[in-house]
Every structure is written in C-alpha cells, then in structure tokens.
Full PDB file with SEQRES, HELIX, SHEET, SSBOND, CRYST1, ORIGX, SCALE, CONECT and MASTER records, all heavy atoms in Angstrom:
SEQRES   1 A   36  MET ASN ASP ASN GLU PHE GLU THR GLN LEU ASP ARG VAL          
SEQRES   2 A   36  ARG ARG ALA ALA GLU VAL VAL ASN THR LEU PRO LYS LYS          
SEQRES   3 A   36  LEU GLN ALA THR ALA PHE GLN ILE LEU PHE                      
HELIX    1 AA1 ASP A    3  VAL A   20  1                                  18    
HELIX    2 AA2 LYS A   25  LEU A   35  1                                  11    
CRYST1    1.000    1.000    1.000  90.00  90.00  90.00 P 1           1          
ORIGX1      1.000000  0.000000  0.000000        0.00000                         
ORIGX2      0.000000  1.000000  0.000000        0.00000                         
ORIGX3      0.000000  0.000000  1.000000        0.00000                         
SCALE1      1.000000  0.000000  0.000000        0.00000                         
SCALE2      0.000000  1.000000  0.000000        0.00000                         
SCALE3      0.000000  0.000000  1.000000        0.00000                         
ATOM      1  N   MET A   1     -10.908  19.927 -81.261  1.00  0.00           N  
ATOM      2  CA  MET A   1     -11.373  21.042 -81.949  1.00  0.00           C  
ATOM      3  C   MET A   1     -10.678  21.019 -83.320  1.00  0.00           C  
ATOM      4  O   MET A   1      -9.536  20.886 -83.435  1.00  0.00           O  
ATOM      5  CB  MET A   1     -10.958  22.256 -81.253  1.00  0.00           C  
ATOM      6  CG  MET A   1     -11.421  23.520 -81.822  1.00  0.00           C  
ATOM      7  SD  MET A   1     -10.782  25.073 -80.988  1.00  0.00           S  
ATOM      8  CE  MET A   1     -11.542  24.917 -79.364  1.00  0.00           C  
ATOM      9  N   ASN A   2     -11.466  21.187 -84.409  1.00  0.00           N  
ATOM     10  CA  ASN A   2     -10.888  21.154 -85.640  1.00  0.00           C  
ATOM     11  C   ASN A   2     -10.535  22.571 -85.995  1.00  0.00           C  
ATOM     12  O   ASN A   2     -10.646  23.538 -85.271  1.00  0.00           O  
ATOM     13  CB  ASN A   2     -11.945  20.677 -86.713  1.00  0.00           C  
ATOM     14  CG  ASN A   2     -13.127  21.526 -86.847  1.00  0.00           C  
ATOM     15  OD1 ASN A   2     -13.037  22.709 -86.833  1.00  0.00           O  
ATOM     16  ND2 ASN A   2     -14.268  20.891 -87.147  1.00  0.00           N  
ATOM     17  N   ASP A   3      -9.770  22.669 -87.181  1.00  0.00           N  
ATOM     18  CA  ASP A   3      -9.175  24.115 -87.568  1.00  0.00           C  
ATOM     19  C   ASP A   3     -10.331  25.193 -87.687  1.00  0.00           C  
ATOM     20  O   ASP A   3     -10.047  26.234 -87.281  1.00  0.00           O  
ATOM     21  CB  ASP A   3      -8.469  23.914 -88.905  1.00  0.00           C  
ATOM     22  CG  ASP A   3      -7.150  23.235 -88.688  1.00  0.00           C  
ATOM     23  OD1 ASP A   3      -6.674  23.022 -87.603  1.00  0.00           O  
ATOM     24  OD2 ASP A   3      -6.561  22.723 -89.711  1.00  0.00           O  
ATOM     25  N   ASN A   4     -11.387  24.699 -88.218  1.00  0.00           N  
ATOM     26  CA  ASN A   4     -12.541  25.736 -88.522  1.00  0.00           C  
ATOM     27  C   ASN A   4     -12.982  26.277 -87.153  1.00  0.00           C  
ATOM     28  O   ASN A   4     -13.175  27.526 -86.882  1.00  0.00           O  
ATOM     29  CB  ASN A   4     -13.605  25.117 -89.297  1.00  0.00           C  
ATOM     30  CG  ASN A   4     -14.624  26.186 -89.749  1.00  0.00           C  
ATOM     31  OD1 ASN A   4     -14.365  27.200 -89.929  1.00  0.00           O  
ATOM     32  ND2 ASN A   4     -15.800  25.708 -90.185  1.00  0.00           N  
ATOM     33  N   GLU A   5     -13.226  25.385 -86.147  1.00  0.00           N  
ATOM     34  CA  GLU A   5     -13.680  25.799 -84.817  1.00  0.00           C  
ATOM     35  C   GLU A   5     -12.671  26.643 -84.068  1.00  0.00           C  
ATOM     36  O   GLU A   5     -12.934  27.648 -83.474  1.00  0.00           O  
ATOM     37  CB  GLU A   5     -14.028  24.589 -84.046  1.00  0.00           C  
ATOM     38  CG  GLU A   5     -15.226  23.770 -84.318  1.00  0.00           C  
ATOM     39  CD  GLU A   5     -15.399  22.489 -83.610  1.00  0.00           C  
ATOM     40  OE1 GLU A   5     -14.360  22.011 -83.149  1.00  0.00           O  
ATOM     41  OE2 GLU A   5     -16.521  22.083 -83.425  1.00  0.00           O  
ATOM     42  N   PHE A   6     -11.304  26.423 -84.299  1.00  0.00           N  
ATOM     43  CA  PHE A   6     -10.309  27.075 -83.700  1.00  0.00           C  
ATOM     44  C   PHE A   6     -10.245  28.384 -84.235  1.00  0.00           C  
ATOM     45  O   PHE A   6     -10.136  29.475 -83.610  1.00  0.00           O  
ATOM     46  CB  PHE A   6      -8.862  26.447 -83.968  1.00  0.00           C  
ATOM     47  CG  PHE A   6      -7.683  27.192 -83.458  1.00  0.00           C  
ATOM     48  CD1 PHE A   6      -7.467  27.162 -82.101  1.00  0.00           C  
ATOM     49  CD2 PHE A   6      -6.993  27.954 -84.292  1.00  0.00           C  
ATOM     50  CE1 PHE A   6      -6.325  27.838 -81.553  1.00  0.00           C  
ATOM     51  CE2 PHE A   6      -5.881  28.659 -83.867  1.00  0.00           C  
ATOM     52  CZ  PHE A   6      -5.634  28.679 -82.342  1.00  0.00           C  
ATOM     53  N   GLU A   7     -10.320  28.639 -85.683  1.00  0.00           N  
ATOM     54  CA  GLU A   7     -10.436  29.967 -86.282  1.00  0.00           C  
ATOM     55  C   GLU A   7     -11.581  30.756 -85.721  1.00  0.00           C  
ATOM     56  O   GLU A   7     -11.385  31.945 -85.565  1.00  0.00           O  
ATOM     57  CB  GLU A   7     -10.382  29.762 -87.785  1.00  0.00           C  
ATOM     58  CG  GLU A   7      -8.997  29.377 -88.497  1.00  0.00           C  
ATOM     59  CD  GLU A   7      -7.934  30.297 -88.108  1.00  0.00           C  
ATOM     60  OE1 GLU A   7      -8.110  31.443 -88.163  1.00  0.00           O  
ATOM     61  OE2 GLU A   7      -6.831  29.801 -87.867  1.00  0.00           O  
ATOM     62  N   THR A   8     -12.659  30.184 -85.599  1.00  0.00           N  
ATOM     63  CA  THR A   8     -13.985  30.812 -85.126  1.00  0.00           C  
ATOM     64  C   THR A   8     -13.614  31.441 -83.606  1.00  0.00           C  
ATOM     65  O   THR A   8     -13.877  32.549 -83.428  1.00  0.00           O  
ATOM     66  CB  THR A   8     -15.068  29.890 -85.099  1.00  0.00           C  
ATOM     67  OG1 THR A   8     -15.321  29.456 -86.574  1.00  0.00           O  
ATOM     68  CG2 THR A   8     -16.399  30.590 -84.789  1.00  0.00           C  
ATOM     69  N   GLN A   9     -13.105  30.570 -82.877  1.00  0.00           N  
ATOM     70  CA  GLN A   9     -12.899  30.854 -81.499  1.00  0.00           C  
ATOM     71  C   GLN A   9     -11.768  32.046 -81.444  1.00  0.00           C  
ATOM     72  O   GLN A   9     -11.921  33.080 -80.698  1.00  0.00           O  
ATOM     73  CB  GLN A   9     -12.373  29.749 -80.572  1.00  0.00           C  
ATOM     74  CG  GLN A   9     -13.326  28.679 -80.351  1.00  0.00           C  
ATOM     75  CD  GLN A   9     -14.485  29.149 -79.273  1.00  0.00           C  
ATOM     76  OE1 GLN A   9     -14.743  30.411 -79.186  1.00  0.00           O  
ATOM     77  NE2 GLN A   9     -15.068  28.413 -78.613  1.00  0.00           N  
ATOM     78  N   LEU A  10     -10.766  31.840 -82.267  1.00  0.00           N  
ATOM     79  CA  LEU A  10      -9.760  32.861 -82.258  1.00  0.00           C  
ATOM     80  C   LEU A  10     -10.300  34.247 -82.699  1.00  0.00           C  
ATOM     81  O   LEU A  10      -9.949  35.322 -82.309  1.00  0.00           O  
ATOM     82  CB  LEU A  10      -8.499  32.518 -83.167  1.00  0.00           C  
ATOM     83  CG  LEU A  10      -7.412  33.298 -83.278  1.00  0.00           C  
ATOM     84  CD1 LEU A  10      -6.740  33.500 -81.867  1.00  0.00           C  
ATOM     85  CD2 LEU A  10      -6.412  32.825 -84.348  1.00  0.00           C  
ATOM     86  N   ASP A  11     -11.061  34.264 -83.739  1.00  0.00           N  
ATOM     87  CA  ASP A  11     -11.829  35.480 -84.230  1.00  0.00           C  
ATOM     88  C   ASP A  11     -12.615  36.106 -83.150  1.00  0.00           C  
ATOM     89  O   ASP A  11     -12.636  37.286 -82.947  1.00  0.00           O  
ATOM     90  CB  ASP A  11     -12.672  35.116 -85.511  1.00  0.00           C  
ATOM     91  CG  ASP A  11     -13.257  36.443 -86.076  1.00  0.00           C  
ATOM     92  OD1 ASP A  11     -12.491  37.374 -86.256  1.00  0.00           O  
ATOM     93  OD2 ASP A  11     -14.436  36.426 -86.285  1.00  0.00           O  
ATOM     94  N   ARG A  12     -13.444  35.385 -82.357  1.00  0.00           N  
ATOM     95  CA  ARG A  12     -14.227  35.830 -81.239  1.00  0.00           C  
ATOM     96  C   ARG A  12     -13.194  36.500 -80.160  1.00  0.00           C  
ATOM     97  O   ARG A  12     -13.622  37.565 -79.606  1.00  0.00           O  
ATOM     98  CB  ARG A  12     -14.993  34.699 -80.554  1.00  0.00           C  
ATOM     99  CG  ARG A  12     -16.061  34.297 -81.599  1.00  0.00           C  
ATOM    100  CD  ARG A  12     -16.847  33.078 -80.963  1.00  0.00           C  
ATOM    101  NE  ARG A  12     -17.715  33.470 -79.976  1.00  0.00           N  
ATOM    102  CZ  ARG A  12     -18.261  32.545 -79.148  1.00  0.00           C  
ATOM    103  NH1 ARG A  12     -18.076  31.233 -79.223  1.00  0.00           N  
ATOM    104  NH2 ARG A  12     -19.216  32.996 -78.194  1.00  0.00           N  
ATOM    105  N   VAL A  13     -12.136  35.876 -79.832  1.00  0.00           N  
ATOM    106  CA  VAL A  13     -11.189  36.399 -78.868  1.00  0.00           C  
ATOM    107  C   VAL A  13     -10.747  37.790 -79.455  1.00  0.00           C  
ATOM    108  O   VAL A  13     -10.519  38.791 -78.680  1.00  0.00           O  
ATOM    109  CB  VAL A  13     -10.052  35.391 -78.647  1.00  0.00           C  
ATOM    110  CG1 VAL A  13      -8.913  36.198 -77.720  1.00  0.00           C  
ATOM    111  CG2 VAL A  13     -10.572  34.226 -77.833  1.00  0.00           C  
ATOM    112  N   ARG A  14     -10.315  37.903 -80.625  1.00  0.00           N  
ATOM    113  CA  ARG A  14      -9.817  39.119 -81.261  1.00  0.00           C  
ATOM    114  C   ARG A  14     -10.892  40.242 -81.133  1.00  0.00           C  
ATOM    115  O   ARG A  14     -10.530  41.378 -80.833  1.00  0.00           O  
ATOM    116  CB  ARG A  14      -9.422  38.844 -82.728  1.00  0.00           C  
ATOM    117  CG  ARG A  14      -8.105  38.196 -82.878  1.00  0.00           C  
ATOM    118  CD  ARG A  14      -7.687  38.118 -84.257  1.00  0.00           C  
ATOM    119  NE  ARG A  14      -6.419  37.299 -84.468  1.00  0.00           N  
ATOM    120  CZ  ARG A  14      -6.356  36.304 -85.371  1.00  0.00           C  
ATOM    121  NH1 ARG A  14      -7.347  36.078 -86.299  1.00  0.00           N  
ATOM    122  NH2 ARG A  14      -5.231  35.628 -85.414  1.00  0.00           N  
ATOM    123  N   ARG A  15     -12.116  39.886 -81.411  1.00  0.00           N  
ATOM    124  CA  ARG A  15     -13.222  40.947 -81.449  1.00  0.00           C  
ATOM    125  C   ARG A  15     -13.369  41.358 -79.965  1.00  0.00           C  
ATOM    126  O   ARG A  15     -13.630  42.604 -79.746  1.00  0.00           O  
ATOM    127  CB  ARG A  15     -14.545  40.371 -82.022  1.00  0.00           C  
ATOM    128  CG  ARG A  15     -14.355  40.388 -83.579  1.00  0.00           C  
ATOM    129  CD  ARG A  15     -15.766  39.944 -84.192  1.00  0.00           C  
ATOM    130  NE  ARG A  15     -15.901  38.530 -83.800  1.00  0.00           N  
ATOM    131  CZ  ARG A  15     -17.062  37.856 -83.997  1.00  0.00           C  
ATOM    132  NH1 ARG A  15     -17.955  38.422 -84.500  1.00  0.00           N  
ATOM    133  NH2 ARG A  15     -17.124  36.565 -83.662  1.00  0.00           N  
ATOM    134  N   ALA A  16     -13.368  40.389 -79.064  1.00  0.00           N  
ATOM    135  CA  ALA A  16     -13.544  40.792 -77.617  1.00  0.00           C  
ATOM    136  C   ALA A  16     -12.351  41.718 -77.183  1.00  0.00           C  
ATOM    137  O   ALA A  16     -12.563  42.567 -76.386  1.00  0.00           O  
ATOM    138  CB  ALA A  16     -13.567  39.587 -76.789  1.00  0.00           C  
ATOM    139  N   ALA A  17     -11.116  41.386 -77.601  1.00  0.00           N  
ATOM    140  CA  ALA A  17      -9.948  42.218 -77.249  1.00  0.00           C  
ATOM    141  C   ALA A  17     -10.224  43.668 -77.799  1.00  0.00           C  
ATOM    142  O   ALA A  17      -9.905  44.599 -77.110  1.00  0.00           O  
ATOM    143  CB  ALA A  17      -8.737  41.554 -77.796  1.00  0.00           C  
ATOM    144  N   GLU A  18     -10.727  43.769 -78.959  1.00  0.00           N  
ATOM    145  CA  GLU A  18     -10.949  45.127 -79.565  1.00  0.00           C  
ATOM    146  C   GLU A  18     -12.007  45.895 -78.719  1.00  0.00           C  
ATOM    147  O   GLU A  18     -11.743  47.083 -78.416  1.00  0.00           O  
ATOM    148  CB  GLU A  18     -11.506  45.029 -80.954  1.00  0.00           C  
ATOM    149  CG  GLU A  18     -10.356  44.531 -82.030  1.00  0.00           C  
ATOM    150  CD  GLU A  18     -11.023  44.266 -83.299  1.00  0.00           C  
ATOM    151  OE1 GLU A  18     -12.237  44.684 -83.610  1.00  0.00           O  
ATOM    152  OE2 GLU A  18     -10.372  43.807 -84.204  1.00  0.00           O  
ATOM    153  N   VAL A  19     -12.985  45.298 -78.224  1.00  0.00           N  
ATOM    154  CA  VAL A  19     -14.066  45.991 -77.410  1.00  0.00           C  
ATOM    155  C   VAL A  19     -13.430  46.267 -76.088  1.00  0.00           C  
ATOM    156  O   VAL A  19     -13.533  47.502 -75.517  1.00  0.00           O  
ATOM    157  CB  VAL A  19     -15.282  44.970 -77.199  1.00  0.00           C  
ATOM    158  CG1 VAL A  19     -16.124  45.546 -76.217  1.00  0.00           C  
ATOM    159  CG2 VAL A  19     -16.022  44.883 -78.465  1.00  0.00           C  
ATOM    160  N   VAL A  20     -12.755  45.327 -75.406  1.00  0.00           N  
ATOM    161  CA  VAL A  20     -12.086  45.548 -74.134  1.00  0.00           C  
ATOM    162  C   VAL A  20     -11.176  46.768 -74.185  1.00  0.00           C  
ATOM    163  O   VAL A  20     -11.042  47.548 -73.168  1.00  0.00           O  
ATOM    164  CB  VAL A  20     -11.511  44.187 -73.555  1.00  0.00           C  
ATOM    165  CG1 VAL A  20     -10.690  44.489 -72.293  1.00  0.00           C  
ATOM    166  CG2 VAL A  20     -12.729  43.230 -73.210  1.00  0.00           C  
ATOM    167  N   ASN A  21     -10.418  46.787 -75.231  1.00  0.00           N  
ATOM    168  CA  ASN A  21      -9.393  47.858 -75.267  1.00  0.00           C  
ATOM    169  C   ASN A  21     -10.015  49.233 -75.400  1.00  0.00           C  
ATOM    170  O   ASN A  21      -9.322  50.302 -75.143  1.00  0.00           O  
ATOM    171  CB  ASN A  21      -8.543  47.694 -76.542  1.00  0.00           C  
ATOM    172  CG  ASN A  21      -7.466  46.588 -76.335  1.00  0.00           C  
ATOM    173  OD1 ASN A  21      -6.988  46.310 -75.170  1.00  0.00           O  
ATOM    174  ND2 ASN A  21      -7.024  45.915 -77.396  1.00  0.00           N  
ATOM    175  N   THR A  22     -11.374  49.337 -75.642  1.00  0.00           N  
ATOM    176  CA  THR A  22     -11.830  50.724 -75.539  1.00  0.00           C  
ATOM    177  C   THR A  22     -12.331  51.197 -74.181  1.00  0.00           C  
ATOM    178  O   THR A  22     -12.654  52.176 -73.986  1.00  0.00           O  
ATOM    179  CB  THR A  22     -13.296  50.639 -76.482  1.00  0.00           C  
ATOM    180  OG1 THR A  22     -14.294  49.863 -75.897  1.00  0.00           O  
ATOM    181  CG2 THR A  22     -12.921  50.313 -78.031  1.00  0.00           C  
ATOM    182  N   LEU A  23     -12.132  50.183 -73.220  1.00  0.00           N  
ATOM    183  CA  LEU A  23     -12.652  50.458 -71.798  1.00  0.00           C  
ATOM    184  C   LEU A  23     -11.533  51.131 -71.098  1.00  0.00           C  
ATOM    185  O   LEU A  23     -10.218  51.052 -71.547  1.00  0.00           O  
ATOM    186  CB  LEU A  23     -12.883  49.092 -71.040  1.00  0.00           C  
ATOM    187  CG  LEU A  23     -14.099  48.358 -71.615  1.00  0.00           C  
ATOM    188  CD1 LEU A  23     -14.113  47.060 -70.817  1.00  0.00           C  
ATOM    189  CD2 LEU A  23     -15.463  49.145 -71.410  1.00  0.00           C  
ATOM    190  N   PRO A  24     -11.780  51.837 -70.041  1.00  0.00           N  
ATOM    191  CA  PRO A  24     -10.652  52.420 -69.189  1.00  0.00           C  
ATOM    192  C   PRO A  24      -9.750  51.386 -68.749  1.00  0.00           C  
ATOM    193  O   PRO A  24     -10.139  50.196 -68.477  1.00  0.00           O  
ATOM    194  CB  PRO A  24     -11.384  53.085 -68.031  1.00  0.00           C  
ATOM    195  CG  PRO A  24     -12.791  53.196 -68.428  1.00  0.00           C  
ATOM    196  CD  PRO A  24     -13.053  52.159 -69.450  1.00  0.00           C  
ATOM    197  N   LYS A  25      -8.383  51.624 -68.543  1.00  0.00           N  
ATOM    198  CA  LYS A  25      -7.457  50.782 -68.209  1.00  0.00           C  
ATOM    199  C   LYS A  25      -7.762  49.964 -66.934  1.00  0.00           C  
ATOM    200  O   LYS A  25      -7.461  48.753 -66.843  1.00  0.00           O  
ATOM    201  CB  LYS A  25      -6.068  51.438 -67.978  1.00  0.00           C  
ATOM    202  CG  LYS A  25      -5.561  52.121 -69.254  1.00  0.00           C  
ATOM    203  CD  LYS A  25      -4.811  51.047 -70.130  1.00  0.00           C  
ATOM    204  CE  LYS A  25      -4.275  51.879 -71.354  1.00  0.00           C  
ATOM    205  NZ  LYS A  25      -4.134  50.927 -72.587  1.00  0.00           N  
ATOM    206  N   LYS A  26      -8.378  50.590 -66.010  1.00  0.00           N  
ATOM    207  CA  LYS A  26      -8.615  49.911 -64.614  1.00  0.00           C  
ATOM    208  C   LYS A  26      -9.749  48.856 -64.837  1.00  0.00           C  
ATOM    209  O   LYS A  26      -9.728  47.923 -64.013  1.00  0.00           O  
ATOM    210  CB  LYS A  26      -9.057  50.954 -63.678  1.00  0.00           C  
ATOM    211  CG  LYS A  26      -8.038  51.858 -63.109  1.00  0.00           C  
ATOM    212  CD  LYS A  26      -8.503  52.721 -62.056  1.00  0.00           C  
ATOM    213  CE  LYS A  26      -7.367  53.641 -61.443  1.00  0.00           C  
ATOM    214  NZ  LYS A  26      -7.859  54.614 -60.543  1.00  0.00           N  
ATOM    215  N   LEU A  27     -10.469  48.893 -65.889  1.00  0.00           N  
ATOM    216  CA  LEU A  27     -11.546  47.998 -66.112  1.00  0.00           C  
ATOM    217  C   LEU A  27     -11.173  46.869 -67.086  1.00  0.00           C  
ATOM    218  O   LEU A  27     -11.848  45.801 -67.122  1.00  0.00           O  
ATOM    219  CB  LEU A  27     -12.903  48.586 -66.633  1.00  0.00           C  
ATOM    220  CG  LEU A  27     -13.497  49.699 -65.598  1.00  0.00           C  
ATOM    221  CD1 LEU A  27     -14.632  50.324 -66.216  1.00  0.00           C  
ATOM    222  CD2 LEU A  27     -13.679  49.052 -64.416  1.00  0.00           C  
ATOM    223  N   GLN A  28     -10.119  47.065 -67.823  1.00  0.00           N  
ATOM    224  CA  GLN A  28      -9.808  46.057 -68.828  1.00  0.00           C  
ATOM    225  C   GLN A  28      -9.413  44.682 -68.375  1.00  0.00           C  
ATOM    226  O   GLN A  28     -10.097  43.688 -68.840  1.00  0.00           O  
ATOM    227  CB  GLN A  28      -8.663  46.504 -69.806  1.00  0.00           C  
ATOM    228  CG  GLN A  28      -8.930  47.673 -70.633  1.00  0.00           C  
ATOM    229  CD  GLN A  28      -7.802  48.235 -71.377  1.00  0.00           C  
ATOM    230  OE1 GLN A  28      -6.834  47.561 -71.376  1.00  0.00           O  
ATOM    231  NE2 GLN A  28      -8.040  49.234 -72.215  1.00  0.00           N  
ATOM    232  N   ALA A  29      -8.671  44.508 -67.283  1.00  0.00           N  
ATOM    233  CA  ALA A  29      -8.272  43.258 -66.775  1.00  0.00           C  
ATOM    234  C   ALA A  29      -9.573  42.564 -66.179  1.00  0.00           C  
ATOM    235  O   ALA A  29      -9.832  41.393 -66.440  1.00  0.00           O  
ATOM    236  CB  ALA A  29      -7.312  43.349 -65.631  1.00  0.00           C  
ATOM    237  N   THR A  30     -10.534  43.254 -65.607  1.00  0.00           N  
ATOM    238  CA  THR A  30     -11.710  42.655 -65.049  1.00  0.00           C  
ATOM    239  C   THR A  30     -12.656  42.245 -66.114  1.00  0.00           C  
ATOM    240  O   THR A  30     -13.290  41.122 -66.118  1.00  0.00           O  
ATOM    241  CB  THR A  30     -12.457  43.642 -64.115  1.00  0.00           C  
ATOM    242  OG1 THR A  30     -11.698  44.126 -63.120  1.00  0.00           O  
ATOM    243  CG2 THR A  30     -13.749  43.089 -63.496  1.00  0.00           C  
ATOM    244  N   ALA A  31     -12.702  43.091 -67.254  1.00  0.00           N  
ATOM    245  CA  ALA A  31     -13.473  42.676 -68.445  1.00  0.00           C  
ATOM    246  C   ALA A  31     -12.995  41.343 -68.948  1.00  0.00           C  
ATOM    247  O   ALA A  31     -13.778  40.426 -69.378  1.00  0.00           O  
ATOM    248  CB  ALA A  31     -13.535  43.732 -69.423  1.00  0.00           C  
ATOM    249  N   PHE A  32     -11.726  41.206 -69.301  1.00  0.00           N  
ATOM    250  CA  PHE A  32     -11.082  39.913 -69.709  1.00  0.00           C  
ATOM    251  C   PHE A  32     -11.459  38.782 -68.840  1.00  0.00           C  
ATOM    252  O   PHE A  32     -11.723  37.808 -69.218  1.00  0.00           O  
ATOM    253  CB  PHE A  32      -9.570  40.142 -69.947  1.00  0.00           C  
ATOM    254  CG  PHE A  32      -9.092  40.527 -71.218  1.00  0.00           C  
ATOM    255  CD1 PHE A  32      -8.654  41.759 -71.447  1.00  0.00           C  
ATOM    256  CD2 PHE A  32      -9.372  39.774 -72.392  1.00  0.00           C  
ATOM    257  CE1 PHE A  32      -8.175  42.175 -72.672  1.00  0.00           C  
ATOM    258  CE2 PHE A  32      -9.036  40.248 -73.633  1.00  0.00           C  
ATOM    259  CZ  PHE A  32      -8.442  41.461 -73.749  1.00  0.00           C  
ATOM    260  N   GLN A  33     -11.464  38.927 -67.509  1.00  0.00           N  
ATOM    261  CA  GLN A  33     -11.696  37.791 -66.516  1.00  0.00           C  
ATOM    262  C   GLN A  33     -13.129  37.482 -66.712  1.00  0.00           C  
ATOM    263  O   GLN A  33     -13.462  36.267 -66.649  1.00  0.00           O  
ATOM    264  CB  GLN A  33     -11.426  38.277 -65.090  1.00  0.00           C  
ATOM    265  CG  GLN A  33      -9.926  38.391 -64.778  1.00  0.00           C  
ATOM    266  CD  GLN A  33      -9.681  38.813 -63.396  1.00  0.00           C  
ATOM    267  OE1 GLN A  33     -10.657  39.510 -62.787  1.00  0.00           O  
ATOM    268  NE2 GLN A  33      -8.572  38.519 -62.818  1.00  0.00           N  
ATOM    269  N   ILE A  34     -14.022  38.483 -66.937  1.00  0.00           N  
ATOM    270  CA  ILE A  34     -15.469  38.198 -67.023  1.00  0.00           C  
ATOM    271  C   ILE A  34     -15.667  37.306 -68.352  1.00  0.00           C  
ATOM    272  O   ILE A  34     -16.372  36.360 -68.366  1.00  0.00           O  
ATOM    273  CB  ILE A  34     -16.306  39.429 -67.050  1.00  0.00           C  
ATOM    274  CG1 ILE A  34     -16.247  40.066 -65.607  1.00  0.00           C  
ATOM    275  CG2 ILE A  34     -17.719  39.153 -67.616  1.00  0.00           C  
ATOM    276  CD1 ILE A  34     -16.782  41.390 -65.493  1.00  0.00           C  
ATOM    277  N   LEU A  35     -15.132  37.730 -69.290  1.00  0.00           N  
ATOM    278  CA  LEU A  35     -15.191  37.085 -70.678  1.00  0.00           C  
ATOM    279  C   LEU A  35     -14.694  35.685 -70.667  1.00  0.00           C  
ATOM    280  O   LEU A  35     -15.184  34.854 -71.322  1.00  0.00           O  
ATOM    281  CB  LEU A  35     -14.563  37.948 -71.779  1.00  0.00           C  
ATOM    282  CG  LEU A  35     -15.301  39.288 -72.195  1.00  0.00           C  
ATOM    283  CD1 LEU A  35     -14.479  40.096 -73.101  1.00  0.00           C  
ATOM    284  CD2 LEU A  35     -16.594  38.976 -72.646  1.00  0.00           C  
ATOM    285  N   PHE A  36     -13.613  35.452 -69.942  1.00  0.00           N  
ATOM    286  CA  PHE A  36     -12.805  34.063 -70.169  1.00  0.00           C  
ATOM    287  C   PHE A  36     -12.837  33.290 -68.758  1.00  0.00           C  
ATOM    288  O   PHE A  36     -12.108  32.300 -68.882  1.00  0.00           O  
ATOM    289  CB  PHE A  36     -11.390  34.503 -70.608  1.00  0.00           C  
ATOM    290  CG  PHE A  36     -11.487  35.147 -71.937  1.00  0.00           C  
ATOM    291  CD1 PHE A  36     -11.037  36.377 -72.137  1.00  0.00           C  
ATOM    292  CD2 PHE A  36     -11.943  34.493 -73.083  1.00  0.00           C  
ATOM    293  CE1 PHE A  36     -11.182  37.076 -73.239  1.00  0.00           C  
ATOM    294  CE2 PHE A  36     -11.974  35.085 -74.254  1.00  0.00           C  
ATOM    295  CZ  PHE A  36     -11.534  36.440 -74.455  1.00  0.00           C  
TER     296      PHE A  36                                                      
MASTER        0    0    0    2    0    0    0    6  295    1    0    3          
END                                                                             
C-alpha cells in the first residue's frame, strides 16, 4: 500500500468513527465490528 492509499483508508476510518460516535454506546462496538 502506498502513502496515498494509506491516507485515503485512514480518512475513511476517521469518518466512520465520527458516524459511529453518534450512535448509542451499546451499539458503537457492534457498528465498528460490522464496518471492519
């Protein structure tokens, strides 16, 4: 994986984390598992 692909993936993970953080606490872990 080159640096550009890594930065793209990292940006996607950050955006996913922002969305998951808006979910109720009990659902956050499951949402992360589904995503990853």
